[in-house]
Amino acid sequence: ASFMAEAIMSLPEKRRAVYQLKREVGLNYEEISEQLSISPHTVKNQMTMALRSIHRFVKGSLGIIAIIFLR
């Protein structure tokens, strides 16, 4: 699996759902909030946290690979 797929799967269930509905399904925040019965503000916060987590995961994974290859 790719780093992105692993990063997405590492997200908590609700956060992963928000991310996937936005990025993979293409829903907007209002549609996601209706589908998951959460506020649009919560959707925005969860999306922000998902992107940060994915960024950290991928950055960390690439750092580990760089260390292995630079030995």
N, C-alpha and C. Protein backbone atom coordinates (compact mmCIF):
# COMPACT_ATOMS: atom_id res chain seq x y z
N ALA A 1 0.84 -1.19 0.00
CA ALA A 1 0.00 0.00 0.00
C ALA A 1 0.88 1.25 0.00
N SER A 2 0.33 2.32 -0.52
CA SER A 2 1.08 3.57 -0.59
C SER A 2 1.11 4.25 0.77
N PHE A 3 2.03 5.20 0.92
CA PHE A 3 2.10 5.99 2.15
C PHE A 3 0.77 6.69 2.40
N MET A 4 0.17 7.22 1.35
CA MET A 4 -1.10 7.93 1.50
C MET A 4 -2.19 6.99 2.01
N ALA A 5 -2.27 5.80 1.42
CA ALA A 5 -3.30 4.85 1.85
C ALA A 5 -3.09 4.46 3.31
N GLU A 6 -1.86 4.23 3.70
CA GLU A 6 -1.56 3.90 5.09
C GLU A 6 -1.89 5.07 6.01
N ALA A 7 -1.55 6.27 5.57
CA ALA A 7 -1.84 7.47 6.37
C ALA A 7 -3.34 7.62 6.57
N ILE A 8 -4.10 7.43 5.52
CA ILE A 8 -5.56 7.56 5.61
C ILE A 8 -6.14 6.49 6.53
N MET A 9 -5.65 5.26 6.39
CA MET A 9 -6.15 4.17 7.24
C MET A 9 -5.78 4.35 8.71
N SER A 10 -4.74 5.13 8.98
CA SER A 10 -4.32 5.36 10.37
C SER A 10 -5.19 6.40 11.08
N LEU A 11 -6.03 7.10 10.33
CA LEU A 11 -6.90 8.12 10.93
C LEU A 11 -8.01 7.46 11.76
N PRO A 12 -8.45 8.14 12.82
CA PRO A 12 -9.64 7.65 13.54
C PRO A 12 -10.82 7.55 12.57
N GLU A 13 -11.74 6.65 12.87
CA GLU A 13 -12.83 6.31 11.94
C GLU A 13 -13.61 7.52 11.43
N LYS A 14 -14.08 8.39 12.31
CA LYS A 14 -14.88 9.55 11.87
C LYS A 14 -14.05 10.51 11.03
N ARG A 15 -12.80 10.73 11.43
CA ARG A 15 -11.92 11.64 10.70
C ARG A 15 -11.65 11.07 9.30
N ARG A 16 -11.44 9.77 9.23
CA ARG A 16 -11.22 9.11 7.94
C ARG A 16 -12.46 9.24 7.06
N ALA A 17 -13.64 9.10 7.67
CA ALA A 17 -14.89 9.24 6.91
C ALA A 17 -15.01 10.64 6.32
N VAL A 18 -14.73 11.66 7.13
CA VAL A 18 -14.78 13.05 6.65
C VAL A 18 -13.81 13.23 5.48
N TYR A 19 -12.57 12.77 5.67
CA TYR A 19 -11.55 12.91 4.63
C TYR A 19 -11.99 12.22 3.33
N GLN A 20 -12.45 10.98 3.45
CA GLN A 20 -12.82 10.23 2.25
C GLN A 20 -14.04 10.82 1.56
N LEU A 21 -15.02 11.28 2.32
CA LEU A 21 -16.19 11.90 1.70
C LEU A 21 -15.81 13.18 0.96
N LYS A 22 -14.86 13.92 1.50
CA LYS A 22 -14.42 15.16 0.85
C LYS A 22 -13.55 14.86 -0.36
N ARG A 23 -12.47 14.11 -0.15
CA ARG A 23 -11.45 13.92 -1.18
C ARG A 23 -11.78 12.83 -2.21
N GLU A 24 -12.41 11.75 -1.77
CA GLU A 24 -12.65 10.64 -2.68
C GLU A 24 -14.05 10.68 -3.30
N VAL A 25 -15.04 11.12 -2.52
CA VAL A 25 -16.42 11.18 -3.02
C VAL A 25 -16.72 12.55 -3.63
N GLY A 26 -16.08 13.59 -3.08
CA GLY A 26 -16.25 14.93 -3.63
C GLY A 26 -17.37 15.75 -3.01
N LEU A 27 -17.83 15.34 -1.83
CA LEU A 27 -18.89 16.11 -1.17
C LEU A 27 -18.31 17.39 -0.58
N ASN A 28 -19.18 18.41 -0.41
CA ASN A 28 -18.74 19.62 0.27
C ASN A 28 -19.01 19.49 1.77
N TYR A 29 -18.54 20.45 2.55
CA TYR A 29 -18.65 20.34 4.00
C TYR A 29 -20.11 20.22 4.46
N GLU A 30 -21.00 20.97 3.83
CA GLU A 30 -22.42 20.92 4.19
C GLU A 30 -22.99 19.52 3.94
N GLU A 31 -22.68 18.94 2.80
CA GLU A 31 -23.16 17.59 2.47
C GLU A 31 -22.59 16.55 3.44
N ILE A 32 -21.32 16.70 3.78
CA ILE A 32 -20.70 15.78 4.73
C ILE A 32 -21.36 15.92 6.10
N SER A 33 -21.61 17.15 6.52
CA SER A 33 -22.23 17.37 7.83
C SER A 33 -23.61 16.73 7.89
N GLU A 34 -24.36 16.81 6.81
CA GLU A 34 -25.69 16.19 6.76
C GLU A 34 -25.57 14.67 6.79
N GLN A 35 -24.65 14.13 6.01
CA GLN A 35 -24.50 12.68 5.93
C GLN A 35 -24.04 12.08 7.26
N LEU A 36 -23.14 12.77 7.97
CA LEU A 36 -22.59 12.23 9.22
C LEU A 36 -23.28 12.77 10.47
N SER A 37 -24.28 13.63 10.27
CA SER A 37 -25.01 14.25 11.38
C SER A 37 -24.08 14.98 12.36
N ILE A 38 -23.18 15.77 11.78
CA ILE A 38 -22.29 16.63 12.57
C ILE A 38 -22.32 18.03 11.95
N SER A 39 -21.88 19.02 12.69
CA SER A 39 -21.95 20.39 12.18
C SER A 39 -20.89 20.63 11.10
N PRO A 40 -21.14 21.58 10.20
CA PRO A 40 -20.13 21.92 9.19
C PRO A 40 -18.82 22.36 9.84
N HIS A 41 -18.90 23.02 10.99
CA HIS A 41 -17.69 23.45 11.70
C HIS A 41 -16.88 22.22 12.14
N THR A 42 -17.56 21.19 12.63
CA THR A 42 -16.88 19.96 13.03
C THR A 42 -16.25 19.29 11.81
N VAL A 43 -16.95 19.31 10.69
CA VAL A 43 -16.40 18.74 9.45
C VAL A 43 -15.10 19.46 9.10
N LYS A 44 -15.13 20.79 9.14
CA LYS A 44 -13.93 21.58 8.81
C LYS A 44 -12.80 21.23 9.77
N ASN A 45 -13.07 21.17 11.06
CA ASN A 45 -12.04 20.84 12.05
C ASN A 45 -11.47 19.44 11.82
N GLN A 46 -12.34 18.48 11.55
CA GLN A 46 -11.89 17.11 11.33
C GLN A 46 -11.05 17.01 10.05
N MET A 47 -11.42 17.77 9.04
CA MET A 47 -10.66 17.76 7.79
C MET A 47 -9.28 18.37 8.02
N THR A 48 -9.22 19.46 8.77
CA THR A 48 -7.94 20.09 9.09
C THR A 48 -7.04 19.12 9.84
N MET A 49 -7.60 18.45 10.84
CA MET A 49 -6.81 17.50 11.62
C MET A 49 -6.39 16.30 10.78
N ALA A 50 -7.25 15.86 9.87
CA ALA A 50 -6.92 14.74 8.99
C ALA A 50 -5.73 15.10 8.10
N LEU A 51 -5.77 16.29 7.51
CA LEU A 51 -4.68 16.71 6.62
C LEU A 51 -3.36 16.84 7.38
N ARG A 52 -3.43 17.38 8.60
CA ARG A 52 -2.21 17.48 9.43
C ARG A 52 -1.65 16.09 9.74
N SER A 53 -2.53 15.17 10.12
CA SER A 53 -2.10 13.82 10.47
C SER A 53 -1.48 13.11 9.26
N ILE A 54 -2.11 13.25 8.10
CA ILE A 54 -1.60 12.63 6.88
C ILE A 54 -0.24 13.21 6.53
N HIS A 55 -0.13 14.53 6.64
CA HIS A 55 1.14 15.19 6.34
C HIS A 55 2.25 14.67 7.25
N ARG A 56 1.96 14.60 8.55
CA ARG A 56 2.96 14.11 9.51
C ARG A 56 3.33 12.66 9.23
N PHE A 57 2.34 11.83 8.92
CA PHE A 57 2.58 10.42 8.65
C PHE A 57 3.49 10.25 7.44
N VAL A 58 3.15 10.92 6.35
CA VAL A 58 3.94 10.80 5.11
C VAL A 58 5.34 11.38 5.32
N LYS A 59 5.41 12.53 5.96
CA LYS A 59 6.71 13.16 6.23
C LYS A 59 7.58 12.24 7.08
N GLY A 60 6.99 11.64 8.11
CA GLY A 60 7.72 10.72 8.97
C GLY A 60 8.17 9.48 8.22
N SER A 61 7.30 8.94 7.38
CA SER A 61 7.63 7.75 6.60
C SER A 61 8.76 8.03 5.63
N LEU A 62 8.71 9.19 4.98
CA LEU A 62 9.77 9.54 4.03
C LEU A 62 11.08 9.77 4.76
N GLY A 63 11.01 10.33 5.97
CA GLY A 63 12.21 10.53 6.77
C GLY A 63 12.88 9.22 7.13
N ILE A 64 12.07 8.23 7.49
CA ILE A 64 12.60 6.90 7.83
C ILE A 64 13.26 6.27 6.61
N ILE A 65 12.62 6.39 5.46
CA ILE A 65 13.19 5.83 4.23
C ILE A 65 14.51 6.51 3.89
N ALA A 66 14.56 7.83 4.04
CA ALA A 66 15.80 8.57 3.75
C ALA A 66 16.92 8.09 4.66
N ILE A 67 16.62 7.88 5.93
CA ILE A 67 17.64 7.40 6.86
C ILE A 67 18.13 6.02 6.44
N ILE A 68 17.22 5.15 6.06
CA ILE A 68 17.61 3.79 5.64
C ILE A 68 18.50 3.84 4.41
N PHE A 69 18.12 4.64 3.43
CA PHE A 69 18.88 4.70 2.18
C PHE A 69 20.19 5.47 2.29
N LEU A 70 20.30 6.34 3.28
CA LEU A 70 21.52 7.13 3.42
C LEU A 70 22.56 6.44 4.31
N ARG A 71 22.25 5.28 4.80
CA ARG A 71 23.22 4.53 5.62
C ARG A 71 24.35 4.03 4.80
